[in-house]
Amino acid sequence: MPVSRNSLIFEMKGKLRAFVPIVIISAGILFYFYYGIYKMLWVHVDLIGGDFIKGYCAATNFLNNRSIYDMPSWWHLYSGNPVTFLFMPFSTMPPAAAKMLWFAFCHVLAGVSFLVIYRYGSRNNSRVSLVSACAVMLFSMPLYGMFLTGNIVILIFFGLSLVYAGLISGRKKFIPASIAFFTAVKLCPAVMMGVFARRRDYPSVVSFVLVTAAIYVLSFAVFGMEDSRRYIQQLQSADRFVGVFSAISLTFFLKLFWPEALSGWPLFFVNLAFLTVLTALWWRISGTGSGGCSEPGSQVTDLFALTVIMVLVFPSSWLFYEALLIMPFYFVIFAMIEGRREFKYPAAFILLFLFMNFWEIMYYHLPLSVDYLTMRQVEIEKSMYPVLYPLIFSTHFLGSLALFGWILLNYNELVNTILRICAADRHASERELFLPREGY
């Protein structure tokens, strides 16, 4: 399909029209190789796999008949009974080799995810789809944070790319089981089942519950009651491991301004109330918006909103969780590249998009004063900046909250945009799509 004459690219003149996409794609590839590969392998190689090694250690302990929680006390908590299974194939090799293999595996998953995301709108406009996929993925510092830490959330990222593809194509039977797997990995993705609960799709909800229960029953049976008890205890103490790299969550925001005010059960109930308010706001907009019954647009938009709710509420939402927004960001960027003008406050979205993607660069390098004071220095010497420190590091929570508000304000626009972009994929042949055709 030819590019719309309203496209931003076609509003340009002469050779610049074809030059801009080439610049975006080329810059994205260079950005990926520099930040995603070079800096990790030649500058920060000692930091690779910092989260992966905990799962590796847990799996090694289990295979050697020790508690999976027999780890150094100074490590952040490991609360992964169910996901310990996933690390067992790596525990047969030396730690350094295992970390590098996982690092390579993360890149493979990201590469496949890129292809899946590109396919969302490639039948509508292949060039715009390629530029959009490059813009949202290759410039994503949160995604590179997953590569560096080796966090298992990369599996949720990969799975979510397929979930969005399933929603777009109408092949959704695998999605409840996928969200059950995500829930076994990090618990908080259970919120995503709101997509089905909102539509009173009770068979899908029951399927999710049964698969989740099966995973945990298997986990408790394999690891025993003592490790299962430790698992539950670890979950109860999750708010103790909240720091500047968990800056998206309400928990961090509260601890930033009132460090000793809330913890334990009181904090749990505050987060529960916050979850209830955000969910009620989304539920109301999703139910009353004119696009509420337009599938798959409303389903994709709902998953977008629920993912933002998830990272706002989950206490230890690390900044790299923002990579889970790459898929819905693709649709907004696609429409903007086309030159569509239907979104309210587009500049607000662009600012939030840039802030989330380039925060790490700003954190280390953006000068806040003439003597080159950086946010990194403010964080290290926070006692010297009692006002500046909380103001700076509250921006991620406030920005994510603003993004949630932007989604609600643009709910119908998002629904219609997604419907338009994915219309060709919706009717594509079974042979050409990644997912098998199913009745649903």
Protein backbone atom coordinates (compact mmCIF):
# COMPACT_ATOMS: atom_id res chain seq x y z
CA MET A 1 0.00 0.00 0.00
CA PRO A 2 1.50 3.41 -0.91
CA VAL A 3 2.32 5.83 1.87
CA SER A 4 -0.44 8.37 2.57
CA ARG A 5 0.16 11.80 1.11
CA ASN A 6 -0.53 13.12 4.60
CA SER A 7 2.50 11.26 5.88
CA LEU A 8 5.16 13.25 7.66
CA ILE A 9 7.65 11.69 5.30
CA PHE A 10 5.70 12.81 2.24
CA GLU A 11 5.30 16.33 3.61
CA MET A 12 9.04 16.69 3.12
CA LYS A 13 10.53 17.60 -0.21
CA GLY A 14 12.98 16.00 -2.59
CA LYS A 15 15.55 13.50 -1.45
CA LEU A 16 14.88 14.29 2.22
CA ARG A 17 11.65 12.29 1.85
CA ALA A 18 13.56 9.02 1.47
CA PHE A 19 16.49 10.09 3.62
CA VAL A 20 14.66 10.38 6.98
CA PRO A 21 13.63 6.70 7.24
CA ILE A 22 17.18 5.67 6.33
CA VAL A 23 18.55 7.91 9.09
CA ILE A 24 16.17 6.50 11.70
CA ILE A 25 16.90 2.89 10.76
CA SER A 26 20.66 3.40 10.48
CA ALA A 27 20.86 5.35 13.73
CA GLY A 28 18.79 2.67 15.45
CA ILE A 29 21.10 -0.11 14.27
CA LEU A 30 24.17 1.84 15.42
CA PHE A 31 22.50 2.57 18.76
CA TYR A 32 21.73 -1.12 19.21
CA PHE A 33 25.25 -2.28 18.41
CA TYR A 34 26.81 0.40 20.65
CA TYR A 35 24.55 0.18 23.72
CA GLY A 36 23.18 -3.33 23.29
CA ILE A 37 26.41 -5.14 22.41
CA TYR A 38 29.64 -3.10 22.48
CA LYS A 39 29.20 -1.34 25.84
CA MET A 40 28.08 -4.55 27.50
CA LEU A 41 30.79 -6.84 26.15
CA TRP A 42 33.70 -4.39 26.26
CA VAL A 43 32.80 -1.85 28.97
CA HIS A 44 30.31 -3.42 31.40
CA VAL A 45 31.11 -7.09 30.91
CA ASP A 46 31.42 -7.65 34.68
CA LEU A 47 27.82 -6.48 35.12
CA ILE A 48 26.28 -8.85 32.59
CA GLY A 49 23.85 -11.34 34.10
CA GLY A 50 23.54 -9.78 37.56
CA ASP A 51 19.94 -10.99 37.86
CA PHE A 52 20.41 -14.15 35.82
CA ILE A 53 23.05 -15.45 38.22
CA LYS A 54 20.48 -15.65 41.04
CA GLY A 55 18.32 -18.03 39.05
CA TYR A 56 21.42 -19.93 38.00
CA CYS A 57 22.46 -20.24 41.63
CA ALA A 58 18.97 -21.39 42.67
CA ALA A 59 18.92 -24.09 39.98
CA THR A 60 22.42 -25.23 40.91
CA ASN A 61 21.43 -25.44 44.57
CA PHE A 62 18.40 -27.56 43.74
CA LEU A 63 20.38 -29.98 41.59
CA ASN A 64 22.87 -30.32 44.47
CA ASN A 65 20.11 -31.01 47.04
CA ARG A 66 20.38 -27.63 48.74
CA SER A 67 17.74 -24.99 49.33
CA ILE A 68 17.28 -22.79 46.30
CA TYR A 69 17.52 -19.81 48.67
CA ASP A 70 21.01 -20.74 49.86
CA MET A 71 22.54 -17.55 48.47
CA PRO A 72 24.74 -14.69 49.73
CA SER A 73 22.79 -12.57 52.21
CA TRP A 74 23.78 -9.33 50.50
CA TRP A 75 22.04 -10.29 47.25
CA HIS A 76 18.65 -8.84 46.54
CA LEU A 77 15.86 -11.29 47.23
CA TYR A 78 15.24 -14.20 44.92
CA SER A 79 11.54 -15.06 44.86
CA GLY A 80 11.32 -17.44 41.97
CA ASN A 81 10.27 -20.95 42.93
CA PRO A 82 8.36 -21.59 39.67
CA VAL A 83 10.92 -19.96 37.38
CA THR A 84 13.84 -21.91 38.83
CA PHE A 85 12.92 -24.63 36.33
CA LEU A 86 13.93 -22.32 33.49
CA PHE A 87 17.50 -21.96 34.72
CA MET A 88 18.24 -25.65 35.11
CA PRO A 89 19.57 -26.18 31.55
CA PHE A 90 22.15 -23.44 32.21
CA SER A 91 23.25 -24.78 35.60
CA THR A 92 25.26 -27.58 33.97
CA MET A 93 27.88 -25.12 32.69
CA PRO A 94 30.27 -22.68 34.40
CA PRO A 95 28.68 -19.38 35.58
CA ALA A 96 30.56 -17.17 33.11
CA ALA A 97 29.61 -19.34 30.14
CA ALA A 98 26.01 -19.58 31.35
CA LYS A 99 25.72 -15.80 31.63
CA MET A 100 27.06 -15.27 28.13
CA LEU A 101 24.75 -17.91 26.69
CA TRP A 102 21.77 -16.24 28.39
CA PHE A 103 22.97 -12.86 27.09
CA ALA A 104 22.99 -14.24 23.54
CA PHE A 105 19.59 -15.85 24.14
CA CYS A 106 18.17 -12.45 25.18
CA HIS A 107 19.31 -10.97 21.88
CA VAL A 108 17.72 -13.83 19.95
CA LEU A 109 14.41 -13.31 21.75
CA ALA A 110 14.60 -9.58 21.06
CA GLY A 111 15.33 -10.23 17.38
CA VAL A 112 12.32 -12.50 17.01
CA SER A 113 10.19 -9.97 18.90
CA PHE A 114 11.32 -7.27 16.47
CA LEU A 115 10.08 -9.34 13.54
CA VAL A 116 6.76 -10.00 15.26
CA ILE A 117 6.29 -6.29 16.04
CA TYR A 118 7.20 -5.33 12.49
CA ARG A 119 4.50 -7.69 11.22
CA TYR A 120 1.76 -5.90 13.20
CA GLY A 121 1.36 -3.27 10.49
CA SER A 122 3.63 -4.41 7.68
CA ARG A 123 0.72 -5.27 5.38
CA ASN A 124 -0.66 -1.79 5.87
CA ASN A 125 2.65 -0.08 5.07
CA SER A 126 5.89 -2.04 5.22
CA ARG A 127 8.19 1.00 5.19
CA VAL A 128 6.38 2.86 7.97
CA SER A 129 6.16 -0.38 9.94
CA LEU A 130 9.92 -0.93 9.69
CA VAL A 131 10.72 2.63 10.73
CA SER A 132 8.25 2.40 13.62
CA ALA A 133 9.64 -0.92 14.85
CA CYS A 134 13.18 0.50 14.73
CA ALA A 135 12.13 3.68 16.54
CA VAL A 136 10.44 1.91 19.45
CA MET A 137 12.82 -1.00 19.88
CA LEU A 138 16.35 -0.12 18.79
CA PHE A 139 16.41 3.09 20.85
CA SER A 140 14.97 1.46 23.98
CA MET A 141 17.43 1.74 26.87
CA PRO A 142 15.00 -0.21 29.13
CA LEU A 143 15.32 -3.15 26.73
CA TYR A 144 19.11 -2.92 26.91
CA GLY A 145 18.76 -2.91 30.70
CA MET A 146 17.15 -6.32 30.40
CA PHE A 147 20.06 -7.51 28.28
CA LEU A 148 22.61 -6.30 30.81
CA THR A 149 20.96 -7.70 33.93
CA GLY A 150 19.77 -10.89 32.27
CA ASN A 151 16.46 -10.45 34.05
CA ILE A 152 13.87 -13.10 33.29
CA VAL A 153 11.38 -10.38 32.37
CA ILE A 154 12.84 -10.74 28.86
CA LEU A 155 10.63 -13.84 28.58
CA ILE A 156 7.56 -11.73 29.41
CA PHE A 157 8.67 -9.20 26.81
CA PHE A 158 8.97 -11.87 24.15
CA GLY A 159 5.69 -13.47 25.17
CA LEU A 160 3.88 -10.14 25.11
CA SER A 161 4.94 -9.55 21.51
CA LEU A 162 3.15 -12.79 20.65
CA VAL A 163 0.15 -11.92 22.83
CA TYR A 164 -0.35 -8.67 20.92
CA ALA A 165 -0.03 -10.63 17.67
CA GLY A 166 -2.67 -13.04 18.93
CA LEU A 167 -5.06 -10.22 19.81
CA ILE A 168 -4.53 -8.61 16.41
CA SER A 169 -5.12 -11.81 14.46
CA GLY A 170 -7.98 -13.07 16.64
CA ARG A 171 -6.05 -16.20 17.66
CA LYS A 172 -6.34 -15.86 21.40
CA LYS A 173 -6.69 -19.31 22.94
CA PHE A 174 -3.05 -19.39 23.99
CA ILE A 175 -3.16 -15.98 25.72
CA PRO A 176 -4.59 -16.98 29.15
CA ALA A 177 -1.95 -19.71 29.49
CA SER A 178 0.72 -17.20 28.42
CA ILE A 179 -0.38 -14.70 31.08
CA ALA A 180 -0.39 -17.56 33.61
CA PHE A 181 3.26 -18.17 32.70
CA PHE A 182 4.00 -14.43 33.06
CA THR A 183 2.32 -14.53 36.47
CA ALA A 184 4.52 -17.43 37.55
CA VAL A 185 7.53 -15.34 36.57
CA LYS A 186 6.59 -12.06 38.30
CA LEU A 187 3.06 -12.33 39.78
CA CYS A 188 2.04 -8.81 38.72
CA PRO A 189 1.15 -9.73 35.08
CA ALA A 190 -2.05 -11.30 36.47
CA VAL A 191 -3.43 -7.77 36.06
CA MET A 192 -3.36 -8.33 32.28
CA MET A 193 -6.24 -10.78 32.57
CA GLY A 194 -8.40 -7.70 32.95
CA VAL A 195 -8.63 -7.73 29.15
CA PHE A 196 -10.73 -10.89 29.40
CA ALA A 197 -12.48 -10.08 32.67
CA ARG A 198 -13.72 -6.80 31.20
CA ARG A 199 -15.42 -8.76 28.42
CA ARG A 200 -16.85 -11.35 30.82
CA ASP A 201 -14.85 -14.02 29.02
CA TYR A 202 -15.12 -16.44 31.91
CA PRO A 203 -13.70 -19.50 30.09
CA SER A 204 -10.45 -17.58 29.54
CA VAL A 205 -10.36 -16.46 33.17
CA VAL A 206 -10.92 -20.04 34.35
CA SER A 207 -8.20 -21.26 31.97
CA PHE A 208 -5.79 -18.69 33.43
CA VAL A 209 -6.61 -19.72 37.00
CA LEU A 210 -6.20 -23.43 36.28
CA VAL A 211 -2.87 -23.05 34.47
CA THR A 212 -1.52 -20.73 37.18
CA ALA A 213 -2.62 -23.14 39.89
CA ALA A 214 -1.03 -26.06 38.04
CA ILE A 215 2.30 -24.22 37.80
CA TYR A 216 2.36 -23.42 41.51
CA VAL A 217 1.23 -26.89 42.59
CA LEU A 218 4.02 -28.39 40.49
CA SER A 219 6.47 -25.88 41.96
CA PHE A 220 5.49 -26.64 45.55
CA ALA A 221 5.62 -30.38 44.87
CA VAL A 222 9.09 -30.23 43.35
CA PHE A 223 10.77 -27.74 45.70
CA GLY A 224 9.10 -28.88 48.92
CA MET A 225 7.28 -27.07 51.69
CA GLU A 226 10.31 -25.37 53.24
CA ASP A 227 11.38 -23.61 50.05
CA SER A 228 7.73 -22.86 49.29
CA ARG A 229 7.42 -21.20 52.69
CA ARG A 230 10.57 -19.18 52.00
CA TYR A 231 9.08 -18.16 48.66
CA ILE A 232 6.01 -16.69 50.36
CA GLN A 233 8.17 -14.95 52.97
CA GLN A 234 10.30 -13.40 50.26
CA LEU A 235 7.22 -11.99 48.55
CA GLN A 236 6.08 -10.36 51.78
CA SER A 237 9.37 -8.49 52.07
CA ALA A 238 9.50 -7.26 48.47
CA ASP A 239 9.11 -3.58 49.42
CA ARG A 240 12.51 -3.69 51.18
CA PHE A 241 14.23 -4.01 47.82
CA VAL A 242 12.92 -0.83 46.24
CA GLY A 243 15.49 1.69 45.01
CA VAL A 244 16.09 4.28 42.31
CA PHE A 245 15.94 1.65 39.61
CA SER A 246 12.45 0.74 40.84
CA ALA A 247 11.39 4.35 40.42
CA ILE A 248 8.18 3.68 38.48
CA SER A 249 6.18 2.30 41.37
CA LEU A 250 3.96 4.03 43.92
CA THR A 251 5.98 2.25 46.62
CA PHE A 252 9.18 4.01 45.56
CA PHE A 253 7.35 7.34 45.27
CA LEU A 254 6.02 7.03 48.84
CA LYS A 255 9.40 5.95 50.23
CA LEU A 256 11.03 8.82 48.39
CA PHE A 257 9.08 11.43 50.34
CA TRP A 258 8.21 9.43 53.49
CA PRO A 259 11.00 6.84 53.92
CA GLU A 260 9.72 5.37 57.19
CA ALA A 261 6.02 6.04 56.79
CA LEU A 262 4.77 2.77 55.31
CA SER A 263 5.90 -0.83 55.04
CA GLY A 264 4.47 -4.32 55.25
CA TRP A 265 0.71 -4.70 55.35
CA PRO A 266 -0.15 -0.96 55.51
CA LEU A 267 1.83 -0.43 52.32
CA PHE A 268 0.12 -3.45 50.75
CA PHE A 269 -3.31 -1.95 51.39
CA VAL A 270 -2.24 1.44 50.03
CA ASN A 271 -1.07 -0.27 46.83
CA LEU A 272 -4.30 -2.26 46.71
CA ALA A 273 -6.34 0.94 46.98
CA PHE A 274 -4.22 2.53 44.25
CA LEU A 275 -4.74 -0.52 42.03
CA THR A 276 -8.48 -0.33 42.65
CA VAL A 277 -8.65 3.35 41.66
CA LEU A 278 -6.60 2.93 38.48
CA THR A 279 -8.52 -0.18 37.47
CA ALA A 280 -11.87 1.53 38.08
CA LEU A 281 -10.84 4.47 35.89
CA TRP A 282 -9.73 2.15 33.10
CA TRP A 283 -12.82 -0.05 33.49
CA ARG A 284 -15.14 2.93 33.12
CA ILE A 285 -13.39 4.34 30.03
CA SER A 286 -13.12 0.91 28.42
CA GLY A 287 -16.83 0.24 28.98
CA THR A 288 -18.25 3.59 27.89
CA GLY A 289 -15.90 4.60 25.07
CA SER A 290 -17.33 4.40 21.57
CA GLY A 291 -14.50 2.06 20.62
CA GLY A 292 -15.11 -0.26 23.58
CA CYS A 293 -16.49 -3.11 21.43
CA SER A 294 -14.20 -2.65 18.44
CA GLU A 295 -11.89 -5.64 18.46
CA PRO A 296 -8.97 -6.03 18.38
CA GLY A 297 -8.37 -2.30 18.85
CA SER A 298 -9.96 -2.09 22.27
CA GLN A 299 -8.24 -5.28 23.47
CA VAL A 300 -4.81 -3.97 22.49
CA THR A 301 -5.56 -0.58 24.07
CA ASP A 302 -6.78 -2.27 27.25
CA LEU A 303 -3.60 -4.35 27.46
CA PHE A 304 -1.60 -1.12 27.02
CA ALA A 305 -3.45 0.52 29.93
CA LEU A 306 -3.23 -2.56 32.16
CA THR A 307 0.53 -2.86 31.57
CA VAL A 308 0.97 0.72 32.78
CA ILE A 309 -1.20 -0.04 35.82
CA MET A 310 0.96 -3.08 36.51
CA VAL A 311 4.25 -1.18 36.58
CA LEU A 312 2.75 1.62 38.69
CA VAL A 313 1.44 -0.74 41.36
CA PHE A 314 4.05 -3.52 41.53
CA PRO A 315 6.49 -2.38 44.30
CA SER A 316 9.74 -3.44 42.62
CA SER A 317 8.95 -2.40 39.05
CA TRP A 318 12.40 -1.82 37.65
CA LEU A 319 12.93 0.82 35.00
CA PHE A 320 13.52 -1.84 32.36
CA TYR A 321 9.88 -2.89 32.80
CA GLU A 322 9.16 0.08 30.53
CA ALA A 323 10.36 -2.14 27.68
CA LEU A 324 7.01 -3.93 28.04
CA LEU A 325 5.45 -0.80 26.52
CA ILE A 326 7.37 -1.17 23.26
CA MET A 327 4.52 -3.05 21.57
CA PRO A 328 1.76 -0.45 22.16
CA PHE A 329 4.24 2.39 21.54
CA TYR A 330 4.69 0.95 18.05
CA PHE A 331 1.08 1.77 17.10
CA VAL A 332 1.31 5.37 18.31
CA ILE A 333 4.62 5.99 16.55
CA PHE A 334 3.27 4.32 13.38
CA ALA A 335 0.33 6.75 13.30
CA MET A 336 2.56 9.75 14.00
CA ILE A 337 4.97 8.83 11.22
CA GLU A 338 1.99 8.61 8.89
CA GLY A 339 1.12 12.17 9.88
CA ARG A 340 -2.15 11.33 11.63
CA ARG A 341 -3.48 14.14 13.82
CA GLU A 342 -6.16 12.37 15.84
CA PHE A 343 -4.31 12.04 19.17
CA LYS A 344 -4.88 14.58 21.91
CA TYR A 345 -1.69 16.07 23.39
CA PRO A 346 0.74 14.29 21.01
CA ALA A 347 3.65 16.37 22.33
CA ALA A 348 3.05 14.94 25.81
CA PHE A 349 3.37 11.41 24.43
CA ILE A 350 6.57 12.24 22.55
CA LEU A 351 8.14 13.75 25.68
CA LEU A 352 7.19 10.69 27.75
CA PHE A 353 8.45 8.37 25.03
CA LEU A 354 11.84 10.12 24.89
CA PHE A 355 12.09 10.34 28.67
CA MET A 356 11.46 6.62 29.16
CA ASN A 357 13.78 5.51 26.38
CA PHE A 358 16.72 7.81 27.10
CA TRP A 359 16.52 8.14 30.89
CA GLU A 360 19.75 6.22 31.49
CA ILE A 361 21.71 8.49 29.16
CA MET A 362 20.24 11.56 30.87
CA TYR A 363 20.92 10.02 34.30
CA TYR A 364 24.64 9.72 33.63
CA HIS A 365 25.32 12.59 31.23
CA LEU A 366 22.71 15.38 31.35
CA PRO A 367 24.27 18.38 33.12
CA LEU A 368 22.00 19.98 35.71
CA SER A 369 24.35 22.89 36.40
CA VAL A 370 27.32 24.70 34.92
CA ASP A 371 29.69 22.55 36.98
CA TYR A 372 28.28 19.44 35.27
CA LEU A 373 26.22 18.11 38.15
CA THR A 374 24.40 14.98 36.94
CA MET A 375 21.43 13.02 38.24
CA ARG A 376 23.83 10.20 39.03
CA GLN A 377 25.76 12.48 41.40
CA VAL A 378 22.52 13.69 42.98
CA GLU A 379 21.52 10.09 43.66
CA ILE A 380 24.91 9.17 45.17
CA GLU A 381 25.03 12.28 47.36
CA LYS A 382 21.29 12.59 48.00
CA SER A 383 21.77 13.89 51.55
CA MET A 384 23.27 17.04 50.02
CA TYR A 385 20.22 17.54 47.79
CA PRO A 386 17.17 17.02 50.04
CA VAL A 387 14.86 18.84 47.61
CA LEU A 388 16.40 18.07 44.24
CA TYR A 389 16.74 14.32 44.84
CA PRO A 390 13.04 13.54 45.41
CA LEU A 391 11.98 15.95 42.65
CA ILE A 392 14.19 14.23 40.07
CA PHE A 393 13.50 10.65 41.05
CA SER A 394 9.74 11.07 41.36
CA THR A 395 9.54 11.84 37.65
CA HIS A 396 9.33 8.19 36.55
CA PHE A 397 6.27 7.49 38.68
CA LEU A 398 4.65 10.78 37.71
CA GLY A 399 5.54 10.24 34.04
CA SER A 400 4.04 6.74 34.02
CA LEU A 401 0.94 8.09 35.75
CA ALA A 402 0.74 10.79 33.08
CA LEU A 403 1.05 8.12 30.39
CA PHE A 404 -1.90 6.27 31.96
CA GLY A 405 -3.91 9.48 31.83
CA TRP A 406 -2.90 10.01 28.19
CA ILE A 407 -4.13 6.52 27.30
CA LEU A 408 -7.52 7.20 28.91
CA LEU A 409 -7.84 10.56 27.14
CA ASN A 410 -7.00 8.95 23.80
CA TYR A 411 -8.80 5.64 24.31
CA ASN A 412 -11.06 5.88 21.25
CA GLU A 413 -8.26 7.32 19.12
CA LEU A 414 -5.98 4.43 20.07
CA VAL A 415 -8.70 1.88 19.31
CA ASN A 416 -9.38 3.33 15.87
CA THR A 417 -5.67 3.71 15.07
CA ILE A 418 -4.93 0.07 15.95
CA LEU A 419 -7.94 -1.13 13.96
CA ARG A 420 -6.77 0.79 10.91
CA ILE A 421 -3.12 -0.27 11.12
CA CYS A 422 -3.92 -3.95 11.66
CA ALA A 423 -6.84 -4.26 9.25
CA ALA A 424 -4.73 -6.06 6.63
CA ASP A 425 -3.24 -8.47 9.17
CA ARG A 426 -6.69 -9.27 10.46
CA HIS A 427 -7.61 -10.82 7.11
CA ALA A 428 -4.23 -12.33 6.20
CA SER A 429 -4.03 -15.96 5.21
CA GLU A 430 -3.21 -18.69 7.71
CA ARG A 431 0.01 -19.56 5.90
CA GLU A 432 1.47 -16.05 6.12
CA LEU A 433 1.02 -15.41 9.85
CA PHE A 434 3.18 -16.49 12.76
CA LEU A 435 0.27 -17.96 14.72
CA PRO A 436 -2.00 -20.87 13.70
CA ARG A 437 -5.62 -20.07 12.97
CA GLU A 438 -8.07 -21.01 15.69
CA GLY A 439 -11.74 -20.54 16.29
CA TYR A 440 -12.48 -18.47 19.33
